[in-house]
Protein backbone atom coordinates (compact mmCIF):
# COMPACT_ATOMS: atom_id res chain seq x y z
CA MET A 1 2.77 -28.41 29.53
CA SER A 2 -0.85 -28.16 28.46
CA TRP A 3 -3.03 -26.84 25.66
CA MET A 4 -4.16 -24.00 27.92
CA GLU A 5 -0.58 -22.77 28.30
CA PHE A 6 -0.08 -22.69 24.55
CA ILE A 7 -3.42 -20.95 24.02
CA LEU A 8 -2.46 -18.37 26.67
CA LEU A 9 0.79 -17.75 24.80
CA ALA A 10 -1.01 -17.03 21.51
CA VAL A 11 -3.66 -14.85 23.19
CA VAL A 12 -1.06 -12.73 25.00
CA SER A 13 0.85 -12.18 21.75
CA ALA A 14 -2.36 -11.18 19.95
CA VAL A 15 -3.52 -8.78 22.68
CA VAL A 16 -0.12 -7.09 22.96
CA THR A 17 0.11 -6.61 19.19
CA GLY A 18 -3.46 -5.34 18.94
CA ALA A 19 -2.86 -2.83 21.72
CA ALA A 20 0.47 -1.68 20.23
CA ALA A 21 -0.69 -1.25 16.61
CA PRO A 22 -2.55 2.11 17.05
CA ILE A 23 0.35 3.50 19.10
CA VAL A 24 2.87 2.44 16.45
CA ALA A 25 0.69 4.02 13.74
CA ARG A 26 0.73 7.38 15.52
CA LEU A 27 4.49 7.11 16.07
CA ALA A 28 5.05 6.35 12.36
CA VAL A 29 3.10 9.44 11.32
CA ARG A 30 4.99 11.60 13.82
CA ILE A 31 8.43 10.56 12.53
CA ASP A 32 7.24 10.60 8.90
CA ALA A 33 7.67 6.83 8.37
CA VAL A 34 4.74 6.79 5.96
CA ASP A 35 4.00 5.30 2.56
CA ARG A 36 4.88 7.33 -0.52
CA PRO A 37 3.13 5.85 -3.57
CA ASN A 38 4.98 5.54 -6.85
CA ASP A 39 4.66 3.63 -10.11
CA ARG A 40 6.15 0.43 -8.65
CA LYS A 41 3.49 0.11 -5.93
CA VAL A 42 -0.16 -0.86 -5.87
CA SER A 43 -0.87 1.73 -3.19
CA ASP A 44 -2.09 5.23 -4.01
CA ARG A 45 -2.70 6.27 -0.38
CA SER A 46 -0.03 8.76 0.54
CA GLY A 47 0.71 9.12 4.23
CA MET A 48 -0.35 5.63 5.37
CA PRO A 49 1.73 4.74 8.47
CA LEU A 50 4.38 2.05 8.15
CA LEU A 51 6.35 0.35 10.97
CA GLY A 52 3.52 -2.09 11.72
CA GLY A 53 6.21 -4.72 12.13
CA PHE A 54 7.14 -3.12 15.46
CA ALA A 55 3.76 -4.16 16.89
CA VAL A 56 4.10 -7.69 15.48
CA ALA A 57 7.65 -8.04 16.82
CA LEU A 58 6.62 -6.75 20.26
CA GLY A 59 3.78 -9.27 20.51
CA THR A 60 5.98 -12.13 19.32
CA MET A 61 8.86 -11.37 21.67
CA LEU A 62 6.65 -10.84 24.71
CA GLY A 63 4.97 -14.16 23.91
CA ILE A 64 8.36 -15.88 23.86
CA SER A 65 9.31 -14.09 27.11
CA LEU A 66 6.12 -15.39 28.74
CA ALA A 67 7.00 -18.91 27.63
CA LEU A 68 10.48 -18.59 29.13
CA GLN A 69 9.09 -17.28 32.43
CA LEU A 70 6.49 -20.05 32.72
CA GLY A 71 8.65 -22.81 31.27
CA ILE A 72 6.20 -23.38 28.42
CA GLY A 73 7.60 -25.56 25.67
CA SER A 74 10.98 -26.06 27.31
CA ASN A 75 12.72 -29.39 26.83
CA ALA A 76 16.12 -30.56 28.04
CA GLY A 77 17.85 -27.87 26.03
CA GLY A 78 15.31 -25.12 26.67
CA LEU A 79 14.39 -22.70 23.89
CA SER A 80 17.82 -23.08 22.33
CA TYR A 81 17.18 -20.77 19.37
CA VAL A 82 16.26 -17.73 21.47
CA ASP A 83 19.61 -15.90 21.61
CA GLY A 84 20.31 -16.21 17.90
CA TYR A 85 16.72 -15.48 16.97
CA LEU A 86 16.48 -12.34 19.09
CA LEU A 87 19.80 -10.99 17.83
CA GLY A 88 19.05 -11.71 14.18
CA SER A 89 15.48 -10.42 14.28
CA SER A 90 16.59 -7.25 16.08
CA LEU A 91 19.05 -6.49 13.27
CA LEU A 92 16.26 -6.88 10.71
CA ILE A 93 13.84 -4.73 12.69
CA VAL A 94 16.41 -1.92 12.75
CA VAL A 95 17.22 -2.08 9.03
CA GLY A 96 13.53 -2.45 8.18
CA ALA A 97 12.64 0.63 10.21
CA LEU A 98 15.41 2.64 8.55
CA ASP A 99 14.15 1.53 5.15
CA ASP A 100 10.58 2.51 6.03
CA ARG A 101 11.80 5.97 6.99
CA PHE A 102 14.68 6.62 4.58
CA ASP A 103 14.36 3.97 1.81
CA ILE A 104 17.82 2.36 1.97
CA LYS A 105 19.48 0.31 -0.80
CA ALA A 106 18.54 -3.31 -1.46
CA THR A 107 22.19 -4.41 -1.20
CA THR A 108 22.43 -2.91 2.29
CA LYS A 109 19.34 -4.82 3.36
CA LEU A 110 20.80 -8.01 1.90
CA LEU A 111 24.05 -7.61 3.85
CA VAL A 112 22.10 -7.12 7.08
CA GLN A 113 20.02 -10.22 6.30
CA ILE A 114 23.23 -12.23 5.91
CA ALA A 115 24.47 -10.85 9.24
CA ALA A 116 21.16 -11.75 10.93
CA ALA A 117 21.25 -15.27 9.48
CA SER A 118 24.89 -15.65 10.60
CA ALA A 119 23.93 -14.65 14.14
CA ALA A 120 21.19 -17.27 14.19
CA PHE A 121 23.61 -19.86 12.78
CA TYR A 122 26.24 -19.05 15.43
CA TYR A 123 23.70 -19.75 18.19
CA GLY A 124 22.66 -23.10 16.73
CA VAL A 125 19.87 -22.34 14.27
CA ARG A 126 21.29 -24.37 11.42
CA ILE A 127 20.76 -27.19 8.95
CA ALA A 128 23.64 -29.36 10.17
CA GLU A 129 22.76 -32.92 9.16
CA PHE A 130 20.52 -34.95 6.93
CA ARG A 131 19.35 -38.54 6.64
CA GLU A 132 19.42 -40.17 3.23
CA PRO A 133 15.78 -41.23 2.60
CA ILE A 134 16.43 -44.66 1.02
CA SER A 135 19.10 -46.18 3.27
CA GLY A 136 18.32 -44.11 6.37
CA ILE A 137 22.01 -43.29 6.88
CA GLU A 138 22.54 -39.97 8.63
CA TYR A 139 25.26 -37.60 7.50
CA THR A 140 26.77 -34.56 9.19
CA ILE A 141 27.14 -31.59 6.86
CA PRO A 142 30.57 -29.86 6.88
CA ILE A 143 30.36 -26.57 8.76
CA VAL A 144 31.01 -24.39 5.71
CA ILE A 145 28.32 -26.17 3.65
CA SER A 146 25.96 -26.00 6.63
CA TRP A 147 26.49 -22.25 6.86
CA LEU A 148 25.90 -21.74 3.13
CA VAL A 149 22.72 -23.84 3.11
CA THR A 150 21.38 -22.17 6.25
CA MET A 151 22.21 -18.71 4.85
CA ALA A 152 20.46 -19.49 1.58
CA TRP A 153 17.36 -20.73 3.41
CA ILE A 154 17.03 -17.88 5.93
CA VAL A 155 17.85 -15.09 3.47
CA GLY A 156 15.65 -16.68 0.78
CA VAL A 157 12.58 -17.02 2.98
CA THR A 158 13.09 -13.57 4.49
CA ASN A 159 13.16 -11.99 1.04
CA ALA A 160 10.26 -14.12 -0.16
CA MET A 161 7.98 -12.70 2.53
CA ASN A 162 9.20 -9.19 1.73
CA LEU A 163 8.41 -9.64 -1.96
CA ILE A 164 4.86 -10.89 -1.44
CA ASP A 165 4.03 -7.97 0.84
CA GLY A 166 2.14 -6.19 -1.93
CA ILE A 167 -1.53 -5.67 -1.01
CA ASP A 168 -3.45 -5.05 2.19
CA GLY A 169 -3.33 -8.01 4.56
CA GLU A 170 -1.29 -10.24 2.25
CA ALA A 171 1.90 -10.87 4.23
CA THR A 172 0.02 -10.76 7.55
CA GLY A 173 -2.58 -13.37 6.62
CA VAL A 174 -0.27 -15.59 4.58
CA GLY A 175 2.32 -15.43 7.38
CA ALA A 176 -0.29 -16.42 9.98
CA ILE A 177 -1.43 -19.44 7.93
CA ILE A 178 2.16 -20.61 7.42
CA ALA A 179 3.02 -20.01 11.09
CA ILE A 180 0.16 -22.15 12.43
CA THR A 181 0.97 -24.88 9.89
CA LEU A 182 4.63 -25.07 10.91
CA THR A 183 3.49 -24.99 14.54
CA MET A 184 1.34 -28.07 13.93
CA ILE A 185 4.28 -29.82 12.26
CA CYS A 186 6.53 -28.99 15.24
CA TRP A 187 3.82 -30.33 17.56
CA GLN A 188 3.65 -33.61 15.62
CA ALA A 189 7.44 -33.91 15.88
CA GLU A 190 7.37 -33.06 19.62
CA GLN A 191 9.55 -30.08 18.88
CA TYR A 192 7.93 -27.86 21.52
CA PRO A 193 10.41 -24.94 21.35
CA GLY A 194 9.24 -24.55 17.74
CA VAL A 195 5.62 -24.63 18.93
CA VAL A 196 6.37 -21.68 21.21
CA LEU A 197 7.90 -19.61 18.41
CA GLY A 198 5.11 -20.51 15.98
CA LEU A 199 2.28 -19.68 18.38
CA ALA A 200 3.91 -16.41 19.43
CA LEU A 201 4.17 -15.29 15.79
CA PHE A 202 0.70 -16.60 14.91
CA GLY A 203 -0.90 -14.76 17.82
CA ALA A 204 0.91 -11.54 16.94
CA LEU A 205 -0.18 -11.71 13.28
CA VAL A 206 -3.80 -12.45 14.21
CA GLY A 207 -3.71 -9.45 16.56
CA PHE A 208 -2.37 -7.23 13.76
CA LEU A 209 -4.67 -8.47 10.99
CA PRO A 210 -7.71 -6.32 11.93
CA PHE A 211 -5.55 -3.22 11.36
CA ASN A 212 -4.04 -4.53 8.11
CA PHE A 213 -6.93 -6.34 6.38
CA PRO A 214 -8.41 -4.39 3.44
CA PRO A 215 -8.82 -1.49 3.79
CA ALA A 216 -5.69 -1.31 5.94
CA ARG A 217 -5.10 1.39 8.56
CA ILE A 218 -1.38 0.62 8.98
CA PHE A 219 1.13 -1.25 6.84
CA LEU A 220 3.68 -3.81 8.03
CA GLY A 221 6.45 -2.01 6.18
CA ASP A 222 9.83 -3.60 5.63
CA THR A 223 10.05 -3.74 9.42
CA GLY A 224 7.28 -6.32 9.51
CA ALA A 225 7.93 -8.18 6.26
CA LEU A 226 11.58 -8.86 7.11
CA PHE A 227 10.74 -9.83 10.70
CA ILE A 228 8.00 -12.24 9.63
CA GLY A 229 10.17 -13.83 6.95
CA PHE A 230 13.09 -14.31 9.33
CA THR A 231 10.86 -15.80 12.02
CA LEU A 232 9.25 -18.25 9.59
CA SER A 233 12.66 -19.34 8.29
CA VAL A 234 13.84 -20.11 11.84
CA LEU A 235 10.54 -21.87 12.61
CA ALA A 236 10.90 -24.02 9.49
CA ILE A 237 14.36 -25.15 10.61
CA GLU A 238 12.93 -26.02 14.03
CA SER A 239 10.23 -28.14 12.35
CA TYR A 240 12.99 -30.04 10.49
CA GLN A 241 14.79 -31.06 13.67
CA GLY A 242 12.40 -33.29 15.60
CA GLY A 243 10.62 -36.62 15.80
CA HIS A 244 10.99 -39.49 13.33
CA ARG A 245 11.54 -36.88 10.58
CA LYS A 246 14.72 -35.51 12.21
CA ALA A 247 17.21 -34.56 9.50
CA ALA A 248 15.41 -36.59 6.81
CA LEU A 249 16.34 -34.98 3.50
CA LEU A 250 12.99 -35.42 1.75
CA THR A 251 11.01 -34.11 4.70
CA PHE A 252 12.56 -30.68 4.29
CA ALA A 253 9.93 -30.53 1.54
CA ILE A 254 7.40 -29.99 4.35
CA PRO A 255 8.40 -26.40 5.15
CA LEU A 256 8.96 -25.87 1.41
CA LEU A 257 5.33 -26.83 0.80
CA ALA A 258 4.08 -24.65 3.66
CA LEU A 259 6.05 -21.70 2.25
CA ALA A 260 5.20 -22.52 -1.36
CA VAL A 261 3.36 -19.30 -2.21
CA PRO A 262 6.09 -16.80 -1.19
CA ILE A 263 8.89 -19.08 -2.45
CA LEU A 264 7.24 -19.63 -5.85
CA ASP A 265 6.49 -15.94 -6.23
CA THR A 266 10.12 -15.06 -5.50
CA ALA A 267 11.57 -17.77 -7.76
CA LEU A 268 9.33 -16.72 -10.64
CA ALA A 269 10.26 -13.06 -10.14
CA ILE A 270 13.96 -13.94 -10.36
CA LEU A 271 13.30 -16.08 -13.46
CA ARG A 272 11.43 -13.23 -15.17
CA ARG A 273 14.21 -10.76 -14.52
CA VAL A 274 16.98 -13.11 -15.62
CA ARG A 275 15.10 -13.96 -18.84
CA SER A 276 14.62 -10.29 -19.63
CA GLY A 277 18.21 -9.36 -18.75
CA ARG A 278 17.20 -7.09 -15.85
CA PRO A 279 18.83 -6.94 -12.39
CA ILE A 280 17.37 -9.42 -9.90
CA PHE A 281 16.48 -6.60 -7.49
CA SER A 282 14.60 -4.57 -10.13
CA ALA A 283 10.85 -4.12 -9.70
CA ASP A 284 8.01 -5.39 -11.86
CA ARG A 285 4.23 -5.70 -11.61
CA ARG A 286 3.79 -9.38 -12.37
CA HIS A 287 3.77 -10.88 -8.87
CA MET A 288 0.90 -13.18 -7.88
CA HIS A 289 -0.87 -10.39 -6.04
CA HIS A 290 -0.71 -8.16 -9.14
CA ARG A 291 -2.29 -10.89 -11.27
CA LEU A 292 -4.98 -11.68 -8.73
CA LEU A 293 -5.74 -8.00 -8.22
CA ALA A 294 -6.13 -7.53 -11.98
CA SER A 295 -8.37 -10.60 -12.32
CA ARG A 296 -10.46 -10.19 -9.14
CA GLY A 297 -10.84 -6.41 -9.47
CA ALA A 298 -10.62 -5.64 -5.73
CA HIS A 299 -8.21 -6.09 -2.87
CA ARG A 300 -10.37 -8.20 -0.58
CA PRO A 301 -11.14 -10.97 -3.12
CA ALA A 302 -7.51 -10.97 -4.27
CA VAL A 303 -6.06 -11.37 -0.77
CA LEU A 304 -8.66 -14.03 0.15
CA SER A 305 -7.61 -15.98 -2.97
CA LEU A 306 -4.00 -15.86 -1.75
CA TYR A 307 -5.11 -17.06 1.70
CA PHE A 308 -6.94 -19.97 0.10
CA LEU A 309 -3.98 -20.92 -2.09
CA THR A 310 -1.61 -20.77 0.90
CA ALA A 311 -3.99 -22.85 3.02
CA CYS A 312 -4.14 -25.52 0.31
CA PHE A 313 -0.36 -25.85 0.20
CA CYS A 314 -0.24 -25.87 4.01
CA MET A 315 -2.79 -28.69 4.24
CA ILE A 316 -0.65 -30.64 1.76
CA ALA A 317 2.40 -29.98 3.96
CA VAL A 318 0.64 -31.31 7.08
CA SER A 319 -0.47 -34.42 5.16
CA PHE A 320 3.01 -34.91 3.72
CA ALA A 321 4.46 -34.92 7.24
CA GLN A 322 2.70 -38.26 7.87
CA LEU A 323 4.18 -40.00 4.82
CA ARG A 324 7.34 -42.09 4.66
CA GLY A 325 9.38 -43.96 2.07
CA TYR A 326 8.47 -44.15 -1.60
CA THR A 327 4.92 -42.91 -0.95
CA ALA A 328 6.34 -39.54 0.02
CA PHE A 329 8.32 -39.34 -3.25
CA ILE A 330 5.23 -40.13 -5.33
CA PHE A 331 3.08 -37.67 -3.41
CA PHE A 332 5.67 -34.91 -3.70
CA GLY A 333 6.07 -35.51 -7.43
CA ALA A 334 2.30 -35.23 -7.92
CA VAL A 335 2.24 -31.93 -6.01
CA VAL A 336 5.06 -30.53 -8.17
CA LEU A 337 3.22 -31.45 -11.39
CA LEU A 338 -0.07 -29.97 -10.18
CA THR A 339 1.70 -26.78 -9.06
CA PHE A 340 3.35 -26.44 -12.47
CA ARG A 341 -0.06 -26.81 -14.11
CA LEU A 342 -1.56 -24.18 -11.80
CA LEU A 343 1.18 -21.69 -12.59
CA ARG A 344 0.84 -22.38 -16.31
CA ASN A 345 -2.90 -21.68 -16.10
CA MET A 346 -2.11 -18.38 -14.38
CA GLY A 347 0.12 -17.48 -17.34
CA VAL A 348 3.23 -16.92 -15.25
CA PHE A 349 5.47 -18.63 -17.82
CA LEU A 350 4.33 -16.44 -20.71
CA PRO A 351 6.66 -13.68 -21.92
CA GLU A 352 5.25 -10.25 -21.16
CA SER A 353 4.89 -9.56 -24.89
CA GLU A 354 2.36 -12.40 -25.17
CA LEU A 355 0.04 -11.05 -22.47
CA SER A 356 -2.92 -8.97 -23.47
CA GLU A 357 -3.28 -5.41 -22.19
CA SER A 358 -5.90 -6.42 -19.64
CA GLU A 359 -3.75 -9.25 -18.31
CA LEU A 360 -0.77 -7.04 -17.55
CA PRO A 361 -0.83 -5.90 -13.93
CA GLY A 362 0.95 -2.76 -15.02
CA ALA A 363 -2.27 -1.80 -16.78
CA MET A 364 -3.58 -0.90 -13.37
CA SER A 365 -1.44 2.22 -13.30
CA GLY A 366 -2.90 5.27 -14.94
CA ALA A 367 -6.45 4.23 -15.82
CA ASP A 368 -6.80 1.77 -12.97
CA PRO A 369 -9.14 -1.13 -13.79
CA VAL A 370 -9.41 -1.96 -10.10
CA VAL A 371 -12.75 -0.56 -9.07
CA PRO A 372 -12.41 1.18 -5.70
CA SER A 373 -15.04 0.28 -3.16
CA GLU A 374 -15.28 0.17 0.58
CA ASP A 375 -13.64 -3.25 0.58
CA SER A 376 -11.08 -2.59 -2.12
CA THR A 377 -9.17 0.54 -1.20
CA PRO A 378 -5.85 0.25 -3.05
CA GLY A 379 -2.82 -0.32 -0.88
CA PRO A 380 -0.21 -2.94 -0.06
CA GLY A 381 0.04 -5.04 3.04
CA GLY A 382 3.49 -3.60 3.48
CA GLU A 383 4.05 -1.21 0.60
CA LYS A 384 7.35 -2.58 -0.71
CA ASP A 385 6.88 -4.13 -4.12
CA GLU A 386 10.44 -5.15 -4.87
């Protein structure tokens, strides 16, 4: 296997997605799978086509198919995750498309996510063992615990990507940065099946980004957000399985660091809702993208700030992958403290009653302080602001 084969894989995924995006946009308009703005969304552009995730999924899956045909990235076990991944991602594409068209209940989506994660688990995509970092002793996790941990990871990451899909280009760009980072980590660990999955997704997202970057011409929709989140969760498990880091408990912090932005945003959203006594699945306008949009005043600067923040965490993740022993503990502790300080500076721990009117993202509704311009047309990367 060579660099040229991997580059070909990413290019094919990008070209397929780029060619499919305009066709999917026309199909979405024809079947009325379009955005309908309301007070829980940033978007005010009625009729924007959804279903962009179909184009991303097509590019990703054709990239994986090319790898299978050419034997790219295969090891002794081949691309062992493929059956479970394809079955699980197909379930999420279907429920995402139905949600984009008919707006189905959050609990229904959650049940389908659990089914998709269970399918992946059945075919071997699982967190099944860990190595204690001090003694180096490796333990096998009981099957029930393994299923619960794997379910929590896959469903959590899938929902995290869905929740951050709030402004033009957000989930697409953030997903691409995380995908290439996890691909590099798989490469370092000689986990080449993971490299195939990562490059296929990265290429597809790069091919879709020109249609989704502010001002977007098509949204990912739940179809895309759920697909991207599921794919990244599987890719993260692949990155955990190889090289000298195989099953090391502390090194699962590597995908956590790479996915820090969506995971933190989701965790903080849950914390806000629990503190205020609201249902976890209720909506609010205090996500990171809301705050950045209020402070930056336009979509393009806000989404570029999110790209930069994600890239910083991803560079930390790549660096962390080279550390071992107590140095890794110290480094991880420092990152946690600095992240806490960053979030405190952003005011995410303040009760809503302590925020000034201008700091509340909800102030953007009605008299919108976001100044529209040719690079700041309001609208979400995937419209769903859960």
